[in-house]
Amino acid sequence: MRTRRAVLEAAAQVMGVRGYEAATMAEIIQRAGVTKGALYFHFSSKHELARAVIMEQTLHFDQKVSASRLQDAIDFTHQLAVALRDDALLQAGTRIALETTFSEEPLVPYQAWIDLLVKIFTDAREIGELLPGISLEAAAEFFVASYFGVQLFSLAASDRVDLPERVTTLWKHTLPGIATPGALSHLEPRGSDARTAV
């Protein structure tokens, strides 16, 4: 597992700087400090390695469950926003996702996020936080697409320094279209931490 992690982190560093196309397996091997055989034991191709870097984005976040599932979604996206500023693996995964389309699985970079939001929105509907008639899949896909656009804009504008503020703005404009009035009264678009800090 240590070797696999070293390879993933090296791939993130190389692909994060050079991009998917320009990155070479030789440079990743050198950066990871592993043998060619060790790398290919874990990943059969650059394509498979890039996909693993992308999928790492969904594996290391606490997905809390509270009395407000919409607040859980807000908090999760803020947690991701902060991590995107500091985590090379997340930054590389996002860059690869933006630059690369895996033709056999065109939504691979995004589907895990969509699935996660569909689950949260399903729970939110069951506890009366979601407006009637909202398509869970369409709402989740819309938000994921918007979020990726916002983080890309933030990358260009401030190297993601202002990403949490931009995510707050995204929620402020999204919530009135999906949340019931009762839910809106208790939701904090800046994230729960902002409420407790006041």
N, C-alpha and C. Protein backbone atom coordinates (compact mmCIF):
# COMPACT_ATOMS: atom_id res chain seq x y z
N MET A 1 0.83 -1.21 0.00
CA MET A 1 0.00 0.00 0.00
C MET A 1 0.87 1.27 0.00
N ARG A 2 2.02 1.19 0.67
CA ARG A 2 2.92 2.36 0.68
C ARG A 2 3.43 2.65 -0.73
N THR A 3 3.75 1.57 -1.46
CA THR A 3 4.23 1.76 -2.84
C THR A 3 3.15 2.37 -3.71
N ARG A 4 1.93 1.84 -3.57
CA ARG A 4 0.82 2.37 -4.36
C ARG A 4 0.61 3.85 -4.06
N ARG A 5 0.66 4.20 -2.77
CA ARG A 5 0.46 5.60 -2.39
C ARG A 5 1.58 6.48 -2.93
N ALA A 6 2.82 5.98 -2.86
CA ALA A 6 3.95 6.75 -3.39
C ALA A 6 3.80 7.01 -4.88
N VAL A 7 3.32 6.00 -5.61
CA VAL A 7 3.12 6.15 -7.04
C VAL A 7 2.00 7.16 -7.32
N LEU A 8 0.89 7.07 -6.57
CA LEU A 8 -0.21 8.01 -6.76
C LEU A 8 0.24 9.44 -6.49
N GLU A 9 0.99 9.64 -5.41
CA GLU A 9 1.44 10.99 -5.08
C GLU A 9 2.43 11.51 -6.13
N ALA A 10 3.31 10.65 -6.61
CA ALA A 10 4.24 11.06 -7.67
C ALA A 10 3.48 11.39 -8.95
N ALA A 11 2.50 10.58 -9.30
CA ALA A 11 1.70 10.85 -10.49
C ALA A 11 0.97 12.17 -10.35
N ALA A 12 0.45 12.44 -9.15
CA ALA A 12 -0.25 13.70 -8.92
C ALA A 12 0.69 14.88 -9.10
N GLN A 13 1.91 14.75 -8.58
CA GLN A 13 2.87 15.85 -8.71
C GLN A 13 3.25 16.08 -10.17
N VAL A 14 3.52 15.00 -10.89
CA VAL A 14 3.96 15.14 -12.28
C VAL A 14 2.81 15.59 -13.17
N MET A 15 1.66 14.92 -13.05
CA MET A 15 0.52 15.28 -13.89
C MET A 15 -0.05 16.63 -13.50
N GLY A 16 0.04 16.98 -12.23
CA GLY A 16 -0.45 18.28 -11.78
C GLY A 16 0.32 19.43 -12.39
N VAL A 17 1.62 19.21 -12.60
CA VAL A 17 2.47 20.26 -13.19
C VAL A 17 2.45 20.19 -14.71
N ARG A 18 2.61 18.99 -15.26
CA ARG A 18 2.77 18.84 -16.71
C ARG A 18 1.47 18.58 -17.46
N GLY A 19 0.45 18.10 -16.76
CA GLY A 19 -0.77 17.66 -17.43
C GLY A 19 -0.66 16.20 -17.82
N TYR A 20 -1.79 15.61 -18.13
CA TYR A 20 -1.83 14.17 -18.42
C TYR A 20 -0.99 13.81 -19.65
N GLU A 21 -1.16 14.53 -20.73
CA GLU A 21 -0.50 14.16 -21.98
C GLU A 21 1.02 14.25 -21.87
N ALA A 22 1.52 15.30 -21.23
CA ALA A 22 2.97 15.51 -21.18
C ALA A 22 3.66 14.66 -20.12
N ALA A 23 2.92 14.18 -19.13
CA ALA A 23 3.52 13.37 -18.07
C ALA A 23 3.99 12.03 -18.65
N THR A 24 5.12 11.57 -18.17
CA THR A 24 5.63 10.27 -18.62
C THR A 24 5.71 9.31 -17.44
N MET A 25 5.54 8.03 -17.74
CA MET A 25 5.66 7.02 -16.70
C MET A 25 7.08 7.00 -16.14
N ALA A 26 8.08 7.26 -16.97
CA ALA A 26 9.47 7.27 -16.50
C ALA A 26 9.68 8.33 -15.42
N GLU A 27 9.11 9.52 -15.64
CA GLU A 27 9.26 10.58 -14.65
C GLU A 27 8.51 10.24 -13.36
N ILE A 28 7.35 9.63 -13.51
CA ILE A 28 6.58 9.23 -12.32
C ILE A 28 7.34 8.18 -11.52
N ILE A 29 7.93 7.21 -12.21
CA ILE A 29 8.74 6.17 -11.55
C ILE A 29 9.90 6.81 -10.79
N GLN A 30 10.58 7.74 -11.45
CA GLN A 30 11.71 8.41 -10.81
C GLN A 30 11.26 9.20 -9.59
N ARG A 31 10.17 9.95 -9.73
CA ARG A 31 9.67 10.77 -8.62
C ARG A 31 9.21 9.91 -7.45
N ALA A 32 8.60 8.75 -7.75
CA ALA A 32 8.09 7.87 -6.70
C ALA A 32 9.21 7.08 -6.02
N GLY A 33 10.35 6.94 -6.71
CA GLY A 33 11.44 6.16 -6.16
C GLY A 33 11.14 4.67 -6.12
N VAL A 34 10.43 4.20 -7.14
CA VAL A 34 10.08 2.77 -7.22
C VAL A 34 10.61 2.21 -8.53
N THR A 35 10.56 0.90 -8.65
CA THR A 35 10.97 0.27 -9.90
C THR A 35 9.82 0.30 -10.90
N LYS A 36 10.17 0.10 -12.14
CA LYS A 36 9.15 0.01 -13.19
C LYS A 36 8.18 -1.13 -12.90
N GLY A 37 8.73 -2.27 -12.45
CA GLY A 37 7.88 -3.41 -12.11
C GLY A 37 6.91 -3.11 -10.99
N ALA A 38 7.37 -2.34 -9.98
CA ALA A 38 6.49 -1.99 -8.86
C ALA A 38 5.34 -1.11 -9.32
N LEU A 39 5.65 -0.15 -10.18
CA LEU A 39 4.58 0.71 -10.69
C LEU A 39 3.57 -0.10 -11.48
N TYR A 40 4.07 -0.94 -12.40
CA TYR A 40 3.15 -1.68 -13.26
C TYR A 40 2.44 -2.82 -12.52
N PHE A 41 2.94 -3.19 -11.35
CA PHE A 41 2.20 -4.15 -10.52
C PHE A 41 0.89 -3.53 -10.06
N HIS A 42 0.92 -2.23 -9.76
CA HIS A 42 -0.28 -1.54 -9.25
C HIS A 42 -1.12 -0.91 -10.37
N PHE A 43 -0.47 -0.45 -11.42
CA PHE A 43 -1.18 0.26 -12.49
C PHE A 43 -0.65 -0.21 -13.84
N SER A 44 -1.53 -0.74 -14.66
CA SER A 44 -1.09 -1.34 -15.92
C SER A 44 -0.79 -0.32 -17.02
N SER A 45 -1.23 0.93 -16.82
CA SER A 45 -1.03 1.95 -17.86
C SER A 45 -1.14 3.34 -17.25
N LYS A 46 -0.71 4.33 -18.02
CA LYS A 46 -0.85 5.72 -17.58
C LYS A 46 -2.33 6.07 -17.43
N HIS A 47 -3.14 5.55 -18.32
CA HIS A 47 -4.59 5.76 -18.27
C HIS A 47 -5.15 5.27 -16.92
N GLU A 48 -4.78 4.07 -16.52
CA GLU A 48 -5.28 3.51 -15.27
C GLU A 48 -4.77 4.32 -14.07
N LEU A 49 -3.53 4.75 -14.14
CA LEU A 49 -2.96 5.56 -13.07
C LEU A 49 -3.68 6.91 -12.96
N ALA A 50 -3.93 7.54 -14.09
CA ALA A 50 -4.64 8.82 -14.08
C ALA A 50 -6.05 8.66 -13.52
N ARG A 51 -6.70 7.58 -13.88
CA ARG A 51 -8.04 7.32 -13.36
C ARG A 51 -8.01 7.14 -11.85
N ALA A 52 -6.99 6.47 -11.33
CA ALA A 52 -6.86 6.27 -9.89
C ALA A 52 -6.63 7.60 -9.18
N VAL A 53 -5.84 8.48 -9.78
CA VAL A 53 -5.63 9.81 -9.18
C VAL A 53 -6.95 10.56 -9.12
N ILE A 54 -7.73 10.50 -10.19
CA ILE A 54 -9.03 11.16 -10.21
C ILE A 54 -9.94 10.60 -9.12
N MET A 55 -10.01 9.29 -9.01
CA MET A 55 -10.93 8.67 -8.07
C MET A 55 -10.53 8.89 -6.63
N GLU A 56 -9.27 9.20 -6.37
CA GLU A 56 -8.83 9.50 -5.00
C GLU A 56 -9.58 10.70 -4.43
N GLN A 57 -10.12 11.55 -5.31
CA GLN A 57 -10.83 12.74 -4.85
C GLN A 57 -12.01 12.42 -3.94
N THR A 58 -12.58 11.25 -4.10
CA THR A 58 -13.80 10.93 -3.36
C THR A 58 -13.56 10.07 -2.12
N LEU A 59 -12.31 9.70 -1.86
CA LEU A 59 -12.07 8.67 -0.85
C LEU A 59 -11.69 9.18 0.53
N HIS A 60 -11.29 10.40 0.66
CA HIS A 60 -10.69 10.83 1.92
C HIS A 60 -11.41 11.98 2.60
N PHE A 61 -12.72 11.98 2.49
CA PHE A 61 -13.48 13.02 3.14
C PHE A 61 -14.49 12.41 4.10
N ASP A 62 -14.62 13.02 5.27
CA ASP A 62 -15.66 12.60 6.20
C ASP A 62 -17.00 13.05 5.65
N GLN A 63 -17.89 12.11 5.46
CA GLN A 63 -19.21 12.44 4.95
C GLN A 63 -20.19 12.31 6.10
N LYS A 64 -20.31 13.41 6.84
CA LYS A 64 -21.13 13.37 8.04
C LYS A 64 -22.61 13.29 7.69
N VAL A 65 -23.37 12.80 8.64
CA VAL A 65 -24.83 12.74 8.50
C VAL A 65 -25.41 13.45 9.71
N SER A 66 -26.08 14.56 9.45
CA SER A 66 -26.68 15.35 10.53
C SER A 66 -28.18 15.44 10.32
N ALA A 67 -28.82 16.26 11.11
CA ALA A 67 -30.27 16.44 10.98
C ALA A 67 -30.64 17.18 9.70
N SER A 68 -29.69 17.85 9.07
CA SER A 68 -29.94 18.56 7.82
C SER A 68 -29.00 18.02 6.74
N ARG A 69 -29.58 17.26 5.82
CA ARG A 69 -28.74 16.67 4.77
C ARG A 69 -28.27 17.73 3.77
N LEU A 70 -29.06 18.76 3.54
CA LEU A 70 -28.59 19.82 2.65
C LEU A 70 -27.41 20.55 3.28
N GLN A 71 -27.44 20.75 4.60
CA GLN A 71 -26.29 21.36 5.25
C GLN A 71 -25.07 20.44 5.15
N ASP A 72 -25.30 19.13 5.22
CA ASP A 72 -24.20 18.19 5.04
C ASP A 72 -23.57 18.36 3.66
N ALA A 73 -24.41 18.54 2.64
CA ALA A 73 -23.88 18.74 1.28
C ALA A 73 -23.07 20.03 1.20
N ILE A 74 -23.59 21.09 1.80
CA ILE A 74 -22.88 22.37 1.81
C ILE A 74 -21.53 22.21 2.50
N ASP A 75 -21.54 21.58 3.66
CA ASP A 75 -20.30 21.42 4.43
C ASP A 75 -19.28 20.58 3.67
N PHE A 76 -19.76 19.54 3.01
CA PHE A 76 -18.86 18.68 2.24
C PHE A 76 -18.18 19.47 1.12
N THR A 77 -18.94 20.29 0.41
CA THR A 77 -18.35 21.04 -0.70
C THR A 77 -17.37 22.10 -0.20
N HIS A 78 -17.59 22.62 1.01
CA HIS A 78 -16.61 23.55 1.59
C HIS A 78 -15.35 22.81 2.03
N GLN A 79 -15.52 21.62 2.57
CA GLN A 79 -14.37 20.80 2.93
C GLN A 79 -13.52 20.51 1.69
N LEU A 80 -14.18 20.19 0.60
CA LEU A 80 -13.48 19.94 -0.66
C LEU A 80 -12.79 21.20 -1.16
N ALA A 81 -13.45 22.35 -1.03
CA ALA A 81 -12.87 23.61 -1.50
C ALA A 81 -11.56 23.91 -0.78
N VAL A 82 -11.54 23.71 0.53
CA VAL A 82 -10.32 23.95 1.31
C VAL A 82 -9.23 22.96 0.89
N ALA A 83 -9.61 21.70 0.72
CA ALA A 83 -8.64 20.69 0.33
C ALA A 83 -8.06 20.97 -1.06
N LEU A 84 -8.87 21.49 -1.97
CA LEU A 84 -8.39 21.78 -3.32
C LEU A 84 -7.30 22.85 -3.32
N ARG A 85 -7.27 23.69 -2.30
CA ARG A 85 -6.23 24.71 -2.21
C ARG A 85 -4.89 24.11 -1.80
N ASP A 86 -4.92 22.98 -1.06
CA ASP A 86 -3.71 22.50 -0.40
C ASP A 86 -3.24 21.11 -0.81
N ASP A 87 -4.10 20.29 -1.38
CA ASP A 87 -3.80 18.88 -1.60
C ASP A 87 -3.39 18.65 -3.06
N ALA A 88 -2.13 18.25 -3.26
CA ALA A 88 -1.62 18.06 -4.63
C ALA A 88 -2.37 16.95 -5.36
N LEU A 89 -2.78 15.91 -4.63
CA LEU A 89 -3.49 14.81 -5.26
C LEU A 89 -4.85 15.27 -5.79
N LEU A 90 -5.56 16.06 -5.01
CA LEU A 90 -6.85 16.60 -5.45
C LEU A 90 -6.67 17.56 -6.62
N GLN A 91 -5.66 18.41 -6.54
CA GLN A 91 -5.42 19.37 -7.61
C GLN A 91 -5.11 18.65 -8.92
N ALA A 92 -4.28 17.61 -8.83
CA ALA A 92 -3.94 16.85 -10.04
C ALA A 92 -5.15 16.13 -10.59
N GLY A 93 -5.94 15.51 -9.70
CA GLY A 93 -7.14 14.81 -10.15
C GLY A 93 -8.09 15.73 -10.87
N THR A 94 -8.23 16.95 -10.35
CA THR A 94 -9.11 17.92 -10.99
C THR A 94 -8.56 18.35 -12.34
N ARG A 95 -7.25 18.56 -12.41
CA ARG A 95 -6.65 18.96 -13.69
C ARG A 95 -6.82 17.85 -14.73
N ILE A 96 -6.55 16.62 -14.33
CA ILE A 96 -6.69 15.50 -15.27
C ILE A 96 -8.14 15.39 -15.73
N ALA A 97 -9.07 15.55 -14.80
CA ALA A 97 -10.49 15.45 -15.14
C ALA A 97 -10.89 16.52 -16.15
N LEU A 98 -10.32 17.71 -16.01
CA LEU A 98 -10.66 18.79 -16.92
C LEU A 98 -10.00 18.63 -18.29
N GLU A 99 -8.81 18.03 -18.31
CA GLU A 99 -8.06 17.94 -19.56
C GLU A 99 -8.31 16.65 -20.34
N THR A 100 -8.87 15.66 -19.68
CA THR A 100 -8.92 14.32 -20.27
C THR A 100 -10.34 13.80 -20.30
N THR A 101 -10.72 13.23 -21.41
CA THR A 101 -11.99 12.52 -21.50
C THR A 101 -11.68 11.07 -21.79
N PHE A 102 -12.08 10.20 -20.88
CA PHE A 102 -11.93 8.77 -21.11
C PHE A 102 -13.11 8.33 -21.94
N SER A 103 -12.86 8.03 -23.20
CA SER A 103 -13.95 7.83 -24.16
C SER A 103 -14.91 6.73 -23.75
N GLU A 104 -14.39 5.68 -23.10
CA GLU A 104 -15.29 4.60 -22.71
C GLU A 104 -16.07 4.93 -21.44
N GLU A 105 -15.59 5.93 -20.69
CA GLU A 105 -16.26 6.34 -19.46
C GLU A 105 -16.20 7.85 -19.34
N PRO A 106 -16.95 8.58 -20.16
CA PRO A 106 -16.76 10.02 -20.24
C PRO A 106 -17.05 10.77 -18.95
N LEU A 107 -17.86 10.20 -18.05
CA LEU A 107 -18.18 10.91 -16.81
C LEU A 107 -17.42 10.40 -15.60
N VAL A 108 -16.41 9.56 -15.82
CA VAL A 108 -15.65 9.02 -14.70
C VAL A 108 -15.22 10.09 -13.70
N PRO A 109 -14.67 11.21 -14.13
CA PRO A 109 -14.21 12.19 -13.15
C PRO A 109 -15.33 12.77 -12.30
N TYR A 110 -16.54 12.75 -12.78
CA TYR A 110 -17.62 13.47 -12.12
C TYR A 110 -18.69 12.57 -11.52
N GLN A 111 -18.80 11.35 -11.99
CA GLN A 111 -19.92 10.50 -11.60
C GLN A 111 -19.93 10.19 -10.11
N ALA A 112 -18.77 10.04 -9.50
CA ALA A 112 -18.74 9.75 -8.06
C ALA A 112 -19.33 10.90 -7.27
N TRP A 113 -19.03 12.14 -7.69
CA TRP A 113 -19.61 13.30 -7.00
C TRP A 113 -21.12 13.36 -7.24
N ILE A 114 -21.55 13.10 -8.46
CA ILE A 114 -22.98 13.11 -8.76
C ILE A 114 -23.69 12.07 -7.92
N ASP A 115 -23.14 10.86 -7.85
CA ASP A 115 -23.76 9.79 -7.06
C ASP A 115 -23.86 10.18 -5.59
N LEU A 116 -22.81 10.79 -5.07
CA LEU A 116 -22.82 11.23 -3.67
C LEU A 116 -23.92 12.25 -3.42
N LEU A 117 -24.04 13.23 -4.32
CA LEU A 117 -25.08 14.25 -4.14
C LEU A 117 -26.48 13.68 -4.32
N VAL A 118 -26.65 12.74 -5.24
CA VAL A 118 -27.96 12.10 -5.39
C VAL A 118 -28.37 11.44 -4.08
N LYS A 119 -27.43 10.77 -3.43
CA LYS A 119 -27.73 10.12 -2.15
C LYS A 119 -28.12 11.15 -1.10
N ILE A 120 -27.35 12.23 -1.01
CA ILE A 120 -27.66 13.27 -0.03
C ILE A 120 -29.00 13.93 -0.35
N PHE A 121 -29.25 14.23 -1.62
CA PHE A 121 -30.52 14.85 -2.01
C PHE A 121 -31.70 13.91 -1.76
N THR A 122 -31.48 12.61 -1.94
CA THR A 122 -32.54 11.63 -1.64
C THR A 122 -32.90 11.69 -0.16
N ASP A 123 -31.89 11.71 0.69
CA ASP A 123 -32.13 11.84 2.14
C ASP A 123 -32.82 13.16 2.45
N ALA A 124 -32.38 14.24 1.79
CA ALA A 124 -32.97 15.56 2.03
C ALA A 124 -34.44 15.57 1.65
N ARG A 125 -34.79 14.89 0.57
CA ARG A 125 -36.20 14.80 0.17
C ARG A 125 -37.01 14.07 1.24
N GLU A 126 -36.46 12.99 1.78
CA GLU A 126 -37.18 12.19 2.77
C GLU A 126 -37.45 12.96 4.06
N ILE A 127 -36.61 13.93 4.39
CA ILE A 127 -36.85 14.71 5.61
C ILE A 127 -37.47 16.08 5.31
N GLY A 128 -37.93 16.27 4.08
CA GLY A 128 -38.69 17.47 3.74
C GLY A 128 -37.87 18.71 3.46
N GLU A 129 -36.61 18.54 3.10
CA GLU A 129 -35.78 19.71 2.80
C GLU A 129 -35.78 20.09 1.32
N LEU A 130 -36.21 19.19 0.47
CA LEU A 130 -36.14 19.42 -0.97
C LEU A 130 -37.52 19.76 -1.53
N LEU A 131 -37.56 20.75 -2.41
CA LEU A 131 -38.82 21.12 -3.04
C LEU A 131 -39.40 19.95 -3.84
N PRO A 132 -40.74 19.82 -3.87
CA PRO A 132 -41.33 18.76 -4.69
C PRO A 132 -41.03 18.98 -6.18
N GLY A 133 -40.93 17.90 -6.90
CA GLY A 133 -40.71 17.99 -8.34
C GLY A 133 -39.27 18.14 -8.76
N ILE A 134 -38.35 18.22 -7.81
CA ILE A 134 -36.93 18.34 -8.15
C ILE A 134 -36.41 16.99 -8.62
N SER A 135 -35.77 16.96 -9.77
CA SER A 135 -35.11 15.73 -10.23
C SER A 135 -33.78 15.61 -9.50
N LEU A 136 -33.63 14.55 -8.73
CA LEU A 136 -32.42 14.38 -7.93
C LEU A 136 -31.17 14.31 -8.82
N GLU A 137 -31.27 13.53 -9.89
CA GLU A 137 -30.12 13.36 -10.79
C GLU A 137 -29.78 14.67 -11.49
N ALA A 138 -30.80 15.38 -11.97
CA ALA A 138 -30.54 16.63 -12.67
C ALA A 138 -29.97 17.68 -11.73
N ALA A 139 -30.49 17.74 -10.51
CA ALA A 139 -29.97 18.71 -9.54
C ALA A 139 -28.53 18.41 -9.17
N ALA A 140 -28.23 17.11 -8.97
CA ALA A 140 -26.86 16.73 -8.63
C ALA A 140 -25.91 17.02 -9.78
N GLU A 141 -26.32 16.69 -10.99
CA GLU A 141 -25.47 16.93 -12.15
C GLU A 141 -25.25 18.42 -12.36
N PHE A 142 -26.30 19.21 -12.20
CA PHE A 142 -26.18 20.67 -12.34
C PHE A 142 -25.18 21.21 -11.32
N PHE A 143 -25.29 20.76 -10.06
CA PHE A 143 -24.40 21.29 -9.04
C PHE A 143 -22.96 20.89 -9.30
N VAL A 144 -22.72 19.63 -9.65
CA VAL A 144 -21.35 19.18 -9.91
C VAL A 144 -20.74 19.96 -11.08
N ALA A 145 -21.51 20.13 -12.14
CA ALA A 145 -21.01 20.89 -13.29
C ALA A 145 -20.69 22.33 -12.88
N SER A 146 -21.57 22.93 -12.11
CA SER A 146 -21.36 24.30 -11.65
C SER A 146 -20.15 24.40 -10.73
N TYR A 147 -20.01 23.43 -9.84
CA TYR A 147 -18.89 23.43 -8.89
C TYR A 147 -17.57 23.35 -9.63
N PHE A 148 -17.49 22.45 -10.62
CA PHE A 148 -16.24 22.34 -11.36
C PHE A 148 -15.94 23.61 -12.13
N GLY A 149 -16.97 24.26 -12.65
CA GLY A 149 -16.76 25.54 -13.31
C GLY A 149 -16.29 26.61 -12.35
N VAL A 150 -16.88 26.66 -11.17
CA VAL A 150 -16.51 27.64 -10.16
C VAL A 150 -15.06 27.44 -9.73
N GLN A 151 -14.66 26.17 -9.49
CA GLN A 151 -13.28 25.96 -9.04
C GLN A 151 -12.29 26.29 -10.15
N LEU A 152 -12.67 26.05 -11.40
CA LEU A 152 -11.79 26.41 -12.50
C LEU A 152 -11.64 27.92 -12.61
N PHE A 153 -12.74 28.63 -12.44
CA PHE A 153 -12.70 30.10 -12.47
C PHE A 153 -11.85 30.61 -11.31
N SER A 154 -12.02 30.01 -10.12
CA SER A 154 -11.24 30.40 -8.96
C SER A 154 -9.75 30.13 -9.17
N LEU A 155 -9.44 29.01 -9.82
CA LEU A 155 -8.04 28.70 -10.12
C LEU A 155 -7.42 29.80 -10.97
N ALA A 156 -8.16 30.25 -11.99
CA ALA A 156 -7.65 31.29 -12.87
C ALA A 156 -7.56 32.64 -12.16
N ALA A 157 -8.54 32.92 -11.29
CA ALA A 157 -8.61 34.24 -10.66
C ALA A 157 -7.67 34.40 -9.48
N SER A 158 -7.51 33.31 -8.69
CA SER A 158 -6.77 33.49 -7.44
C SER A 158 -5.97 32.27 -7.00
N ASP A 159 -5.75 31.32 -7.91
CA ASP A 159 -5.09 30.06 -7.55
C ASP A 159 -5.88 29.36 -6.43
N ARG A 160 -7.20 29.46 -6.50
CA ARG A 160 -8.17 28.85 -5.59
C ARG A 160 -8.19 29.45 -4.19
N VAL A 161 -7.51 30.56 -3.97
CA VAL A 161 -7.54 31.20 -2.65
C VAL A 161 -8.96 31.60 -2.28
N ASP A 162 -9.73 32.07 -3.26
CA ASP A 162 -11.09 32.54 -2.98
C ASP A 162 -12.16 31.47 -3.22
N LEU A 163 -11.76 30.22 -3.36
CA LEU A 163 -12.73 29.17 -3.68
C LEU A 163 -13.84 29.02 -2.63
N PRO A 164 -13.55 29.03 -1.33
CA PRO A 164 -14.66 28.92 -0.37
C PRO A 164 -15.72 30.02 -0.54
N GLU A 165 -15.28 31.24 -0.80
CA GLU A 165 -16.24 32.33 -1.00
C GLU A 165 -17.07 32.09 -2.27
N ARG A 166 -16.44 31.59 -3.31
CA ARG A 166 -17.17 31.32 -4.55
C ARG A 166 -18.14 30.14 -4.38
N VAL A 167 -17.78 29.15 -3.56
CA VAL A 167 -18.69 28.04 -3.28
C VAL A 167 -19.89 28.55 -2.48
N THR A 168 -19.65 29.46 -1.56
CA THR A 168 -20.76 30.07 -0.81
C THR A 168 -21.72 30.76 -1.77
N THR A 169 -21.19 31.52 -2.71
CA THR A 169 -22.03 32.20 -3.70
C THR A 169 -22.82 31.20 -4.54
N LEU A 170 -22.18 30.11 -4.92
CA LEU A 170 -22.88 29.07 -5.67
C LEU A 170 -24.06 28.53 -4.89
N TRP A 171 -23.86 28.22 -3.61
CA TRP A 171 -24.98 27.71 -2.79
C TRP A 171 -26.06 28.76 -2.61
N LYS A 172 -25.68 30.03 -2.42
CA LYS A 172 -26.69 31.09 -2.23
C LYS A 172 -27.61 31.18 -3.44
N HIS A 173 -27.09 30.90 -4.62
CA HIS A 173 -27.91 30.97 -5.83
C HIS A 173 -28.59 29.66 -6.16
N THR A 174 -28.09 28.55 -5.63
CA THR A 174 -28.67 27.23 -5.92
C THR A 174 -29.79 26.87 -4.94
N LEU A 175 -29.58 27.14 -3.67
CA LEU A 175 -30.52 26.68 -2.64
C LEU A 175 -31.97 27.15 -2.85
N PRO A 176 -32.21 28.41 -3.25
CA PRO A 176 -33.62 28.80 -3.44
C PRO A 176 -34.35 27.98 -4.50
N GLY A 177 -33.61 27.37 -5.41
CA GLY A 177 -34.24 26.56 -6.46
C GLY A 177 -34.48 25.12 -6.08
N ILE A 178 -33.89 24.67 -4.96
CA ILE A 178 -34.06 23.26 -4.58
C ILE A 178 -34.57 23.06 -3.16
N ALA A 179 -34.37 24.02 -2.28
CA ALA A 179 -34.70 23.82 -0.86
C ALA A 179 -36.07 24.37 -0.52
N THR A 180 -36.77 23.70 0.38
CA THR A 180 -38.05 24.20 0.88
C THR A 180 -37.82 25.46 1.71
N PRO A 181 -38.84 26.32 1.85
CA PRO A 181 -38.67 27.52 2.69
C PRO A 181 -38.24 27.18 4.12
N GLY A 182 -38.78 26.10 4.67
CA GLY A 182 -38.38 25.71 6.02
C GLY A 182 -36.91 25.35 6.11
N ALA A 183 -36.41 24.67 5.10
CA ALA A 183 -34.98 24.31 5.08
C ALA A 183 -34.12 25.55 4.90
N LEU A 184 -34.55 26.46 4.01
CA LEU A 184 -33.77 27.68 3.77
C LEU A 184 -33.54 28.48 5.04
N SER A 185 -34.51 28.42 5.95
CA SER A 185 -34.40 29.23 7.17
C SER A 185 -33.27 28.77 8.08
N HIS A 186 -32.82 27.52 7.95
CA HIS A 186 -31.76 27.06 8.85
C HIS A 186 -30.45 26.71 8.14
N LEU A 187 -30.41 26.82 6.83
CA LEU A 187 -29.19 26.46 6.10
C LEU A 187 -28.17 27.60 6.13
N GLU A 188 -26.90 27.24 6.23
CA GLU A 188 -25.81 28.22 6.21
C GLU A 188 -24.94 27.97 4.97
N PRO A 189 -25.10 28.80 3.92
CA PRO A 189 -24.33 28.58 2.68
C PRO A 189 -22.82 28.66 2.86
N ARG A 190 -22.37 29.31 3.93
CA ARG A 190 -20.93 29.41 4.18
C ARG A 190 -20.39 28.16 4.86
N GLY A 191 -21.27 27.23 5.23
CA GLY A 191 -20.85 26.03 5.95
C GLY A 191 -21.11 26.16 7.43
N SER A 192 -21.29 25.03 8.09
CA SER A 192 -21.59 25.03 9.53
C SER A 192 -20.52 25.71 10.35
N ASP A 193 -19.25 25.58 9.93
CA ASP A 193 -18.18 26.21 10.68
C ASP A 193 -18.33 27.72 10.75
N ALA A 194 -18.88 28.30 9.69
CA ALA A 194 -19.09 29.75 9.68
C ALA A 194 -20.13 30.15 10.72
N ARG A 195 -21.14 29.31 10.91
CA ARG A 195 -22.18 29.60 11.90
C ARG A 195 -21.61 29.54 13.31
N THR A 196 -20.80 28.53 13.59
CA THR A 196 -20.26 28.37 14.94
C THR A 196 -19.17 29.40 15.23
N ALA A 197 -18.58 29.97 14.18
CA ALA A 197 -17.53 30.97 14.38
C ALA A 197 -18.08 32.34 14.72
N VAL A 198 -19.39 32.53 14.46
CA VAL A 198 -19.99 33.86 14.69
C VAL A 198 -20.24 34.07 16.17
